All heavy atoms as atom14 arrays in JSON, in Angstrom:
{
  "sequence": "PVHTTMRRTLTREFMVKKIDALRPTITGITGQLETVQRRLWDVSEELT",
  "atom14_mask": [
    [1, 1, 1, 1, 1, 1, 1, 0, 0, 0, 0, 0, 0, 0],
    [1, 1, 1, 1, 1, 1, 1, 0, 0, 0, 0, 0, 0, 0],
    [1, 1, 1, 1, 1, 1, 1, 1, 1, 1, 0, 0, 0, 0],
    [1, 1, 1, 1, 1, 1, 1, 0, 0, 0, 0, 0, 0, 0],
    [1, 1, 1, 1, 1, 1, 1, 0, 0, 0, 0, 0, 0, 0],
    [1, 1, 1, 1, 1, 1, 1, 1, 0, 0, 0, 0, 0, 0],
    [1, 1, 1, 1, 1, 1, 1, 1, 1, 1, 1, 0, 0, 0],
    [1, 1, 1, 1, 1, 1, 1, 1, 1, 1, 1, 0, 0, 0],
    [1, 1, 1, 1, 1, 1, 1, 0, 0, 0, 0, 0, 0, 0],
    [1, 1, 1, 1, 1, 1, 1, 1, 0, 0, 0, 0, 0, 0],
    [1, 1, 1, 1, 1, 1, 1, 0, 0, 0, 0, 0, 0, 0],
    [1, 1, 1, 1, 1, 1, 1, 1, 1, 1, 1, 0, 0, 0],
    [1, 1, 1, 1, 1, 1, 1, 1, 1, 0, 0, 0, 0, 0],
    [1, 1, 1, 1, 1, 1, 1, 1, 1, 1, 1, 0, 0, 0],
    [1, 1, 1, 1, 1, 1, 1, 1, 0, 0, 0, 0, 0, 0],
    [1, 1, 1, 1, 1, 1, 1, 0, 0, 0, 0, 0, 0, 0],
    [1, 1, 1, 1, 1, 1, 1, 1, 1, 0, 0, 0, 0, 0],
    [1, 1, 1, 1, 1, 1, 1, 1, 1, 0, 0, 0, 0, 0],
    [1, 1, 1, 1, 1, 1, 1, 1, 0, 0, 0, 0, 0, 0],
    [1, 1, 1, 1, 1, 1, 1, 1, 0, 0, 0, 0, 0, 0],
    [1, 1, 1, 1, 1, 0, 0, 0, 0, 0, 0, 0, 0, 0],
    [1, 1, 1, 1, 1, 1, 1, 1, 0, 0, 0, 0, 0, 0],
    [1, 1, 1, 1, 1, 1, 1, 1, 1, 1, 1, 0, 0, 0],
    [1, 1, 1, 1, 1, 1, 1, 0, 0, 0, 0, 0, 0, 0],
    [1, 1, 1, 1, 1, 1, 1, 0, 0, 0, 0, 0, 0, 0],
    [1, 1, 1, 1, 1, 1, 1, 1, 0, 0, 0, 0, 0, 0],
    [1, 1, 1, 1, 1, 1, 1, 0, 0, 0, 0, 0, 0, 0],
    [1, 1, 1, 1, 0, 0, 0, 0, 0, 0, 0, 0, 0, 0],
    [1, 1, 1, 1, 1, 1, 1, 1, 0, 0, 0, 0, 0, 0],
    [1, 1, 1, 1, 1, 1, 1, 0, 0, 0, 0, 0, 0, 0],
    [1, 1, 1, 1, 0, 0, 0, 0, 0, 0, 0, 0, 0, 0],
    [1, 1, 1, 1, 1, 1, 1, 1, 1, 0, 0, 0, 0, 0],
    [1, 1, 1, 1, 1, 1, 1, 1, 0, 0, 0, 0, 0, 0],
    [1, 1, 1, 1, 1, 1, 1, 1, 1, 0, 0, 0, 0, 0],
    [1, 1, 1, 1, 1, 1, 1, 0, 0, 0, 0, 0, 0, 0],
    [1, 1, 1, 1, 1, 1, 1, 0, 0, 0, 0, 0, 0, 0],
    [1, 1, 1, 1, 1, 1, 1, 1, 1, 0, 0, 0, 0, 0],
    [1, 1, 1, 1, 1, 1, 1, 1, 1, 1, 1, 0, 0, 0],
    [1, 1, 1, 1, 1, 1, 1, 1, 1, 1, 1, 0, 0, 0],
    [1, 1, 1, 1, 1, 1, 1, 1, 0, 0, 0, 0, 0, 0],
    [1, 1, 1, 1, 1, 1, 1, 1, 1, 1, 1, 1, 1, 1],
    [1, 1, 1, 1, 1, 1, 1, 1, 0, 0, 0, 0, 0, 0],
    [1, 1, 1, 1, 1, 1, 1, 0, 0, 0, 0, 0, 0, 0],
    [1, 1, 1, 1, 1, 1, 0, 0, 0, 0, 0, 0, 0, 0],
    [1, 1, 1, 1, 1, 1, 1, 1, 1, 0, 0, 0, 0, 0],
    [1, 1, 1, 1, 1, 1, 1, 1, 1, 0, 0, 0, 0, 0],
    [1, 1, 1, 1, 1, 1, 1, 1, 0, 0, 0, 0, 0, 0],
    [1, 1, 1, 1, 1, 1, 1, 0, 0, 0, 0, 0, 0, 0]
  ],
  "atom14_positions": [
    [[-15.63, 58.82, 166.05], [-15.94, 57.84, 167.18], [-15.15, 56.67, 167.35], [-15.18, 55.98, 168.37], [-17.43, 57.41, 166.81], [-17.34, 57.48, 165.37], [-16.5, 58.56, 164.84], [0.0, 0.0, 0.0], [0.0, 0.0, 0.0], [0.0, 0.0, 0.0], [0.0, 0.0, 0.0], [0.0, 0.0, 0.0], [0.0, 0.0, 0.0], [0.0, 0.0, 0.0]],
    [[-14.26, 56.42, 166.32], [-13.32, 55.19, 166.42], [-12.46, 55.22, 167.61], [-12.22, 54.27, 168.44], [-12.58, 55.04, 165.13], [-11.49, 53.85, 165.28], [-13.42, 54.79, 163.85], [0.0, 0.0, 0.0], [0.0, 0.0, 0.0], [0.0, 0.0, 0.0], [0.0, 0.0, 0.0], [0.0, 0.0, 0.0], [0.0, 0.0, 0.0], [0.0, 0.0, 0.0]],
    [[-11.82, 56.41, 167.89], [-10.92, 56.56, 168.93], [-11.72, 56.34, 170.37], [-11.14, 55.68, 171.18], [-10.41, 58.1, 169.0], [-9.5, 58.23, 170.17], [-8.14, 57.98, 170.18], [-9.82, 58.8, 171.41], [-7.63, 58.25, 171.34], [-8.72, 58.67, 172.21], [0.0, 0.0, 0.0], [0.0, 0.0, 0.0], [0.0, 0.0, 0.0], [0.0, 0.0, 0.0]],
    [[-12.86, 56.85, 170.38], [-13.63, 56.69, 171.65], [-13.92, 55.18, 171.84], [-13.77, 54.62, 172.99], [-14.98, 57.52, 171.48], [-14.68, 58.8, 171.19], [-15.78, 57.47, 172.8], [0.0, 0.0, 0.0], [0.0, 0.0, 0.0], [0.0, 0.0, 0.0], [0.0, 0.0, 0.0], [0.0, 0.0, 0.0], [0.0, 0.0, 0.0], [0.0, 0.0, 0.0]],
    [[-14.26, 54.49, 170.87], [-14.61, 53.08, 170.94], [-13.21, 52.38, 171.49], [-13.41, 51.46, 172.38], [-15.15, 52.45, 169.72], [-16.38, 53.16, 169.32], [-15.53, 51.03, 169.86], [0.0, 0.0, 0.0], [0.0, 0.0, 0.0], [0.0, 0.0, 0.0], [0.0, 0.0, 0.0], [0.0, 0.0, 0.0], [0.0, 0.0, 0.0], [0.0, 0.0, 0.0]],
    [[-12.22, 52.61, 170.78], [-10.91, 51.9, 171.17], [-10.56, 52.16, 172.54], [-9.97, 51.38, 173.25], [-9.9, 52.24, 170.12], [-10.1, 51.77, 168.75], [-9.01, 52.42, 167.51], [-7.63, 51.22, 167.68], [0.0, 0.0, 0.0], [0.0, 0.0, 0.0], [0.0, 0.0, 0.0], [0.0, 0.0, 0.0], [0.0, 0.0, 0.0], [0.0, 0.0, 0.0]],
    [[-10.57, 53.56, 172.95], [-10.28, 53.99, 174.33], [-11.14, 53.25, 175.4], [-10.54, 52.7, 176.35], [-10.32, 55.43, 174.47], [-9.75, 55.96, 175.65], [-9.96, 57.42, 175.94], [-11.41, 57.59, 176.29], [-12.08, 58.53, 175.74], [-11.63, 59.45, 174.83], [-13.4, 58.69, 176.11], [0.0, 0.0, 0.0], [0.0, 0.0, 0.0], [0.0, 0.0, 0.0]],
    [[-12.38, 53.21, 175.13], [-13.15, 52.55, 176.09], [-12.87, 51.01, 176.22], [-13.01, 50.44, 177.29], [-14.75, 52.65, 175.68], [-15.18, 54.06, 176.0], [-16.69, 54.18, 175.81], [-17.08, 55.54, 176.09], [-18.03, 56.22, 175.28], [-18.65, 55.67, 174.37], [-18.31, 57.49, 175.69], [0.0, 0.0, 0.0], [0.0, 0.0, 0.0], [0.0, 0.0, 0.0]],
    [[-12.57, 50.33, 175.14], [-12.18, 49.02, 175.13], [-10.82, 48.7, 175.91], [-10.78, 47.77, 176.59], [-12.02, 48.44, 173.57], [-13.13, 48.69, 172.96], [-11.55, 46.89, 173.66], [0.0, 0.0, 0.0], [0.0, 0.0, 0.0], [0.0, 0.0, 0.0], [0.0, 0.0, 0.0], [0.0, 0.0, 0.0], [0.0, 0.0, 0.0], [0.0, 0.0, 0.0]],
    [[-10.02, 49.6, 175.8], [-8.7, 49.55, 176.5], [-8.66, 49.92, 177.87], [-7.87, 49.5, 178.72], [-7.56, 50.26, 175.77], [-7.1, 49.61, 174.4], [-6.3, 50.58, 173.65], [-6.45, 48.36, 174.5], [0.0, 0.0, 0.0], [0.0, 0.0, 0.0], [0.0, 0.0, 0.0], [0.0, 0.0, 0.0], [0.0, 0.0, 0.0], [0.0, 0.0, 0.0]],
    [[-9.59, 50.79, 178.3], [-9.6, 51.4, 179.63], [-9.66, 50.32, 180.82], [-8.9, 50.52, 181.73], [-10.82, 52.44, 179.8], [-10.54, 53.46, 178.87], [-10.82, 53.03, 181.24], [0.0, 0.0, 0.0], [0.0, 0.0, 0.0], [0.0, 0.0, 0.0], [0.0, 0.0, 0.0], [0.0, 0.0, 0.0], [0.0, 0.0, 0.0], [0.0, 0.0, 0.0]],
    [[-10.48, 49.37, 180.6], [-10.6, 48.26, 181.59], [-9.27, 47.6, 181.94], [-8.97, 47.29, 183.07], [-11.58, 47.28, 181.14], [-13.08, 47.68, 181.35], [-13.97, 46.59, 180.75], [-14.16, 47.17, 179.45], [-14.61, 46.48, 178.36], [-14.93, 45.27, 178.48], [-14.74, 47.04, 177.26], [0.0, 0.0, 0.0], [0.0, 0.0, 0.0], [0.0, 0.0, 0.0]],
    [[-8.36, 47.55, 180.89], [-7.1, 46.85, 181.12], [-6.1, 47.63, 181.87], [-5.2, 47.15, 182.37], [-6.52, 46.46, 179.71], [-7.41, 45.48, 179.02], [-7.73, 44.21, 179.68], [-6.84, 43.62, 180.45], [-8.86, 43.76, 179.66], [0.0, 0.0, 0.0], [0.0, 0.0, 0.0], [0.0, 0.0, 0.0], [0.0, 0.0, 0.0], [0.0, 0.0, 0.0]],
    [[-6.36, 49.02, 182.05], [-5.49, 49.96, 182.78], [-6.03, 50.51, 184.01], [-5.55, 51.46, 184.6], [-5.07, 50.96, 181.87], [-4.21, 50.5, 180.61], [-4.61, 50.19, 179.5], [-2.84, 50.22, 180.9], [-3.88, 49.7, 178.37], [-1.99, 49.74, 179.87], [-2.52, 49.48, 178.62], [0.0, 0.0, 0.0], [0.0, 0.0, 0.0], [0.0, 0.0, 0.0]],
    [[-7.09, 49.84, 184.57], [-7.62, 50.24, 185.87], [-6.53, 49.84, 186.94], [-5.78, 49.09, 186.75], [-8.95, 49.35, 186.13], [-9.97, 49.57, 185.06], [-10.91, 51.31, 185.0], [-11.92, 51.11, 186.42], [0.0, 0.0, 0.0], [0.0, 0.0, 0.0], [0.0, 0.0, 0.0], [0.0, 0.0, 0.0], [0.0, 0.0, 0.0], [0.0, 0.0, 0.0]],
    [[-6.75, 50.71, 187.95], [-5.73, 50.63, 189.14], [-5.7, 49.12, 189.59], [-4.53, 48.64, 189.79], [-6.16, 51.57, 190.22], [-5.16, 51.39, 191.45], [-6.02, 53.06, 189.74], [0.0, 0.0, 0.0], [0.0, 0.0, 0.0], [0.0, 0.0, 0.0], [0.0, 0.0, 0.0], [0.0, 0.0, 0.0], [0.0, 0.0, 0.0], [0.0, 0.0, 0.0]],
    [[-6.79, 48.43, 189.75], [-6.79, 47.04, 190.38], [-5.96, 46.11, 189.4], [-5.25, 45.36, 189.78], [-8.18, 46.59, 190.54], [-8.77, 47.09, 191.79], [-10.19, 46.35, 192.01], [-10.91, 46.89, 193.15], [-12.16, 46.33, 193.34], [0.0, 0.0, 0.0], [0.0, 0.0, 0.0], [0.0, 0.0, 0.0], [0.0, 0.0, 0.0], [0.0, 0.0, 0.0]],
    [[-6.27, 46.25, 187.98], [-5.51, 45.43, 187.09], [-4.1, 45.69, 187.17], [-3.2, 44.71, 187.15], [-6.02, 45.73, 185.68], [-7.34, 45.17, 185.47], [-7.32, 44.05, 184.66], [-8.79, 43.63, 184.12], [-8.73, 42.44, 183.32], [0.0, 0.0, 0.0], [0.0, 0.0, 0.0], [0.0, 0.0, 0.0], [0.0, 0.0, 0.0], [0.0, 0.0, 0.0]],
    [[-3.61, 46.94, 187.2], [-2.24, 47.26, 187.19], [-1.58, 46.71, 188.44], [-0.58, 46.32, 188.45], [-1.93, 48.83, 187.03], [-2.5, 49.19, 185.53], [-0.53, 49.18, 187.21], [-1.91, 48.49, 184.47], [0.0, 0.0, 0.0], [0.0, 0.0, 0.0], [0.0, 0.0, 0.0], [0.0, 0.0, 0.0], [0.0, 0.0, 0.0], [0.0, 0.0, 0.0]],
    [[-2.24, 47.01, 189.64], [-1.8, 46.62, 190.87], [-1.61, 44.92, 190.9], [-0.6, 44.5, 191.49], [-2.62, 46.95, 192.02], [-2.47, 48.39, 192.43], [-1.45, 48.99, 192.05], [-3.37, 48.85, 193.19], [0.0, 0.0, 0.0], [0.0, 0.0, 0.0], [0.0, 0.0, 0.0], [0.0, 0.0, 0.0], [0.0, 0.0, 0.0], [0.0, 0.0, 0.0]],
    [[-2.47, 44.23, 190.24], [-2.28, 42.79, 190.1], [-1.06, 42.32, 189.33], [-0.54, 41.37, 189.56], [-3.58, 42.28, 189.6], [0.0, 0.0, 0.0], [0.0, 0.0, 0.0], [0.0, 0.0, 0.0], [0.0, 0.0, 0.0], [0.0, 0.0, 0.0], [0.0, 0.0, 0.0], [0.0, 0.0, 0.0], [0.0, 0.0, 0.0], [0.0, 0.0, 0.0]],
    [[-0.67, 43.22, 188.43], [0.46, 42.94, 187.64], [1.86, 43.35, 188.26], [2.95, 42.92, 187.84], [0.35, 43.76, 186.22], [-0.67, 43.29, 185.26], [-0.79, 44.25, 184.13], [-0.38, 41.88, 184.88], [0.0, 0.0, 0.0], [0.0, 0.0, 0.0], [0.0, 0.0, 0.0], [0.0, 0.0, 0.0], [0.0, 0.0, 0.0], [0.0, 0.0, 0.0]],
    [[1.74, 44.16, 189.3], [2.98, 44.67, 189.95], [3.96, 43.57, 190.36], [5.12, 43.74, 190.09], [2.51, 45.59, 191.08], [3.71, 46.39, 191.63], [3.36, 47.37, 192.69], [2.17, 48.17, 192.31], [2.34, 49.28, 191.57], [3.5, 49.64, 191.15], [1.18, 50.05, 191.25], [0.0, 0.0, 0.0], [0.0, 0.0, 0.0], [0.0, 0.0, 0.0]],
    [[3.56, 42.47, 191.01], [4.56, 41.47, 191.38], [5.28, 40.8, 190.25], [6.58, 40.65, 190.14], [3.72, 40.37, 192.22], [2.55, 41.07, 192.64], [2.19, 42.23, 191.57], [0.0, 0.0, 0.0], [0.0, 0.0, 0.0], [0.0, 0.0, 0.0], [0.0, 0.0, 0.0], [0.0, 0.0, 0.0], [0.0, 0.0, 0.0], [0.0, 0.0, 0.0]],
    [[4.49, 40.66, 189.13], [5.15, 40.01, 187.9], [6.06, 41.02, 187.22], [7.19, 40.65, 186.95], [4.01, 39.69, 186.94], [3.12, 38.79, 187.5], [4.61, 39.01, 185.63], [0.0, 0.0, 0.0], [0.0, 0.0, 0.0], [0.0, 0.0, 0.0], [0.0, 0.0, 0.0], [0.0, 0.0, 0.0], [0.0, 0.0, 0.0], [0.0, 0.0, 0.0]],
    [[5.69, 42.32, 187.18], [6.53, 43.3, 186.57], [7.76, 43.46, 187.41], [8.96, 43.57, 186.96], [5.72, 44.64, 186.42], [4.73, 44.48, 185.38], [6.7, 45.67, 186.06], [3.65, 45.59, 185.34], [0.0, 0.0, 0.0], [0.0, 0.0, 0.0], [0.0, 0.0, 0.0], [0.0, 0.0, 0.0], [0.0, 0.0, 0.0], [0.0, 0.0, 0.0]],
    [[7.65, 43.52, 188.72], [8.81, 43.69, 189.64], [9.83, 42.48, 189.5], [10.89, 42.68, 189.43], [8.25, 43.75, 191.14], [7.42, 44.93, 191.21], [9.5, 43.88, 192.11], [0.0, 0.0, 0.0], [0.0, 0.0, 0.0], [0.0, 0.0, 0.0], [0.0, 0.0, 0.0], [0.0, 0.0, 0.0], [0.0, 0.0, 0.0], [0.0, 0.0, 0.0]],
    [[9.14, 41.34, 189.43], [10.03, 40.14, 189.2], [10.81, 40.12, 188.0], [12.01, 39.81, 187.97], [0.0, 0.0, 0.0], [0.0, 0.0, 0.0], [0.0, 0.0, 0.0], [0.0, 0.0, 0.0], [0.0, 0.0, 0.0], [0.0, 0.0, 0.0], [0.0, 0.0, 0.0], [0.0, 0.0, 0.0], [0.0, 0.0, 0.0], [0.0, 0.0, 0.0]],
    [[10.17, 40.38, 186.86], [10.84, 40.53, 185.54], [11.89, 41.67, 185.52], [13.07, 41.4, 185.12], [9.77, 40.74, 184.37], [8.85, 39.55, 184.23], [10.46, 41.09, 183.16], [7.76, 39.8, 183.35], [0.0, 0.0, 0.0], [0.0, 0.0, 0.0], [0.0, 0.0, 0.0], [0.0, 0.0, 0.0], [0.0, 0.0, 0.0], [0.0, 0.0, 0.0]],
    [[11.55, 42.76, 186.2], [12.55, 43.91, 186.12], [13.81, 43.47, 186.99], [14.85, 43.85, 186.65], [11.77, 45.15, 186.87], [10.65, 45.48, 186.06], [12.76, 46.34, 186.83], [0.0, 0.0, 0.0], [0.0, 0.0, 0.0], [0.0, 0.0, 0.0], [0.0, 0.0, 0.0], [0.0, 0.0, 0.0], [0.0, 0.0, 0.0], [0.0, 0.0, 0.0]],
    [[13.58, 42.78, 188.17], [14.6, 42.34, 188.92], [15.51, 41.4, 188.23], [16.8, 41.45, 188.24], [0.0, 0.0, 0.0], [0.0, 0.0, 0.0], [0.0, 0.0, 0.0], [0.0, 0.0, 0.0], [0.0, 0.0, 0.0], [0.0, 0.0, 0.0], [0.0, 0.0, 0.0], [0.0, 0.0, 0.0], [0.0, 0.0, 0.0], [0.0, 0.0, 0.0]],
    [[15.0, 40.52, 187.46], [15.76, 39.51, 186.63], [16.58, 40.18, 185.63], [17.72, 39.95, 185.39], [14.86, 38.47, 186.03], [14.14, 37.53, 187.02], [13.11, 36.64, 186.38], [12.86, 36.78, 185.1], [12.33, 35.82, 187.09], [0.0, 0.0, 0.0], [0.0, 0.0, 0.0], [0.0, 0.0, 0.0], [0.0, 0.0, 0.0], [0.0, 0.0, 0.0]],
    [[15.92, 41.15, 184.79], [16.67, 41.85, 183.9], [17.76, 42.65, 184.44], [18.89, 42.86, 183.78], [15.62, 42.78, 183.19], [14.66, 42.15, 182.25], [13.59, 43.09, 181.65], [15.26, 41.34, 180.99], [0.0, 0.0, 0.0], [0.0, 0.0, 0.0], [0.0, 0.0, 0.0], [0.0, 0.0, 0.0], [0.0, 0.0, 0.0], [0.0, 0.0, 0.0]],
    [[17.58, 43.28, 185.65], [18.58, 44.01, 186.31], [19.83, 43.16, 186.63], [20.95, 43.51, 186.51], [18.08, 44.67, 187.52], [19.17, 45.61, 188.18], [18.66, 46.27, 189.48], [17.55, 45.94, 189.87], [19.37, 47.16, 189.95], [0.0, 0.0, 0.0], [0.0, 0.0, 0.0], [0.0, 0.0, 0.0], [0.0, 0.0, 0.0], [0.0, 0.0, 0.0]],
    [[19.51, 41.94, 187.18], [20.49, 40.95, 187.47], [21.4, 40.62, 186.25], [22.61, 40.63, 186.25], [19.91, 39.8, 188.09], [19.22, 40.19, 189.28], [21.05, 38.77, 188.37], [0.0, 0.0, 0.0], [0.0, 0.0, 0.0], [0.0, 0.0, 0.0], [0.0, 0.0, 0.0], [0.0, 0.0, 0.0], [0.0, 0.0, 0.0], [0.0, 0.0, 0.0]],
    [[20.76, 40.35, 185.05], [21.41, 40.01, 183.9], [22.22, 41.14, 183.44], [23.35, 41.04, 182.97], [20.37, 39.54, 182.8], [20.91, 39.42, 181.39], [19.71, 38.27, 183.21], [0.0, 0.0, 0.0], [0.0, 0.0, 0.0], [0.0, 0.0, 0.0], [0.0, 0.0, 0.0], [0.0, 0.0, 0.0], [0.0, 0.0, 0.0], [0.0, 0.0, 0.0]],
    [[21.52, 42.34, 183.47], [22.4, 43.55, 183.01], [23.63, 43.76, 183.83], [24.68, 44.09, 183.3], [21.46, 44.8, 183.05], [22.05, 46.06, 182.41], [22.33, 45.86, 181.04], [21.35, 45.58, 180.18], [23.49, 46.04, 180.54], [0.0, 0.0, 0.0], [0.0, 0.0, 0.0], [0.0, 0.0, 0.0], [0.0, 0.0, 0.0], [0.0, 0.0, 0.0]],
    [[23.44, 43.57, 185.2], [24.72, 43.76, 186.01], [25.78, 42.72, 185.62], [26.85, 43.06, 185.59], [24.22, 43.66, 187.51], [23.58, 44.87, 188.03], [23.27, 44.66, 189.53], [22.41, 45.78, 189.96], [22.84, 46.82, 190.5], [24.11, 47.03, 190.58], [22.01, 47.72, 190.94], [0.0, 0.0, 0.0], [0.0, 0.0, 0.0], [0.0, 0.0, 0.0]],
    [[25.38, 41.53, 185.51], [26.37, 40.58, 185.06], [27.07, 40.83, 183.71], [28.32, 40.63, 183.6], [25.76, 39.05, 184.92], [25.35, 38.58, 186.23], [24.73, 37.13, 186.2], [24.33, 36.68, 187.46], [23.24, 35.85, 187.56], [22.56, 35.43, 186.47], [22.93, 35.51, 188.67], [0.0, 0.0, 0.0], [0.0, 0.0, 0.0], [0.0, 0.0, 0.0]],
    [[26.27, 41.36, 182.76], [26.86, 41.71, 181.48], [27.86, 42.91, 181.68], [28.94, 42.87, 181.01], [25.77, 42.12, 180.48], [24.93, 40.87, 179.92], [23.79, 41.45, 179.13], [25.77, 39.88, 179.15], [0.0, 0.0, 0.0], [0.0, 0.0, 0.0], [0.0, 0.0, 0.0], [0.0, 0.0, 0.0], [0.0, 0.0, 0.0], [0.0, 0.0, 0.0]],
    [[27.42, 43.81, 182.53], [28.36, 44.99, 182.7], [29.53, 44.52, 183.51], [30.76, 45.08, 183.14], [27.6, 46.12, 183.49], [26.64, 46.83, 182.63], [26.61, 46.81, 181.16], [25.75, 47.89, 183.05], [25.63, 47.74, 180.74], [25.14, 48.33, 181.82], [25.39, 48.43, 184.21], [24.2, 49.28, 181.81], [24.5, 49.36, 184.18], [23.84, 49.96, 183.15]],
    [[29.48, 43.56, 184.31], [30.68, 43.1, 184.99], [31.56, 42.44, 184.11], [32.76, 42.65, 184.03], [30.3, 42.16, 186.19], [29.61, 42.84, 187.42], [29.73, 44.0, 187.49], [29.09, 42.02, 188.21], [0.0, 0.0, 0.0], [0.0, 0.0, 0.0], [0.0, 0.0, 0.0], [0.0, 0.0, 0.0], [0.0, 0.0, 0.0], [0.0, 0.0, 0.0]],
    [[31.11, 41.66, 183.19], [31.89, 40.93, 182.17], [32.47, 42.0, 181.21], [33.79, 42.04, 180.98], [31.06, 39.93, 181.34], [31.85, 39.46, 180.2], [30.71, 38.74, 182.19], [0.0, 0.0, 0.0], [0.0, 0.0, 0.0], [0.0, 0.0, 0.0], [0.0, 0.0, 0.0], [0.0, 0.0, 0.0], [0.0, 0.0, 0.0], [0.0, 0.0, 0.0]],
    [[31.79, 43.05, 180.81], [32.26, 44.02, 179.98], [33.34, 44.9, 180.64], [34.35, 45.16, 180.0], [31.08, 44.94, 179.61], [31.49, 46.01, 178.83], [0.0, 0.0, 0.0], [0.0, 0.0, 0.0], [0.0, 0.0, 0.0], [0.0, 0.0, 0.0], [0.0, 0.0, 0.0], [0.0, 0.0, 0.0], [0.0, 0.0, 0.0], [0.0, 0.0, 0.0]],
    [[33.12, 45.09, 182.02], [34.17, 45.91, 182.72], [35.41, 45.07, 182.76], [36.61, 45.66, 182.6], [33.62, 46.22, 184.05], [34.59, 47.07, 184.85], [34.07, 47.27, 186.21], [32.9, 47.08, 186.5], [34.86, 47.76, 187.13], [0.0, 0.0, 0.0], [0.0, 0.0, 0.0], [0.0, 0.0, 0.0], [0.0, 0.0, 0.0], [0.0, 0.0, 0.0]],
    [[35.46, 43.75, 182.91], [36.48, 42.9, 182.94], [37.29, 42.96, 181.66], [38.55, 42.99, 181.64], [36.11, 41.39, 183.38], [35.79, 41.36, 184.83], [35.42, 39.82, 185.13], [35.94, 38.92, 184.48], [34.58, 39.79, 186.17], [0.0, 0.0, 0.0], [0.0, 0.0, 0.0], [0.0, 0.0, 0.0], [0.0, 0.0, 0.0], [0.0, 0.0, 0.0]],
    [[36.56, 42.85, 180.53], [37.15, 42.69, 179.2], [37.74, 44.27, 178.85], [38.72, 44.21, 178.07], [36.18, 42.32, 178.29], [35.7, 40.89, 178.5], [34.57, 40.56, 177.4], [36.84, 39.95, 178.19], [0.0, 0.0, 0.0], [0.0, 0.0, 0.0], [0.0, 0.0, 0.0], [0.0, 0.0, 0.0], [0.0, 0.0, 0.0], [0.0, 0.0, 0.0]],
    [[37.05, 45.28, 179.19], [37.39, 46.6, 178.59], [37.99, 47.48, 179.5], [38.68, 48.44, 179.23], [36.15, 47.25, 177.99], [35.39, 47.54, 179.17], [35.42, 46.39, 176.94], [0.0, 0.0, 0.0], [0.0, 0.0, 0.0], [0.0, 0.0, 0.0], [0.0, 0.0, 0.0], [0.0, 0.0, 0.0], [0.0, 0.0, 0.0], [0.0, 0.0, 0.0]]
  ]
}
């Protein structure tokens, strides 16, 4: 029964409404990381 209890505890955090509410934050962080990655690759391309 331990798995069942843990799953029920976590299920609320992964409901569609909760995930949809996180979407703008996740999209923003992903965009920032992509920008940084592109800059690093540009520098790497210049050097190598």
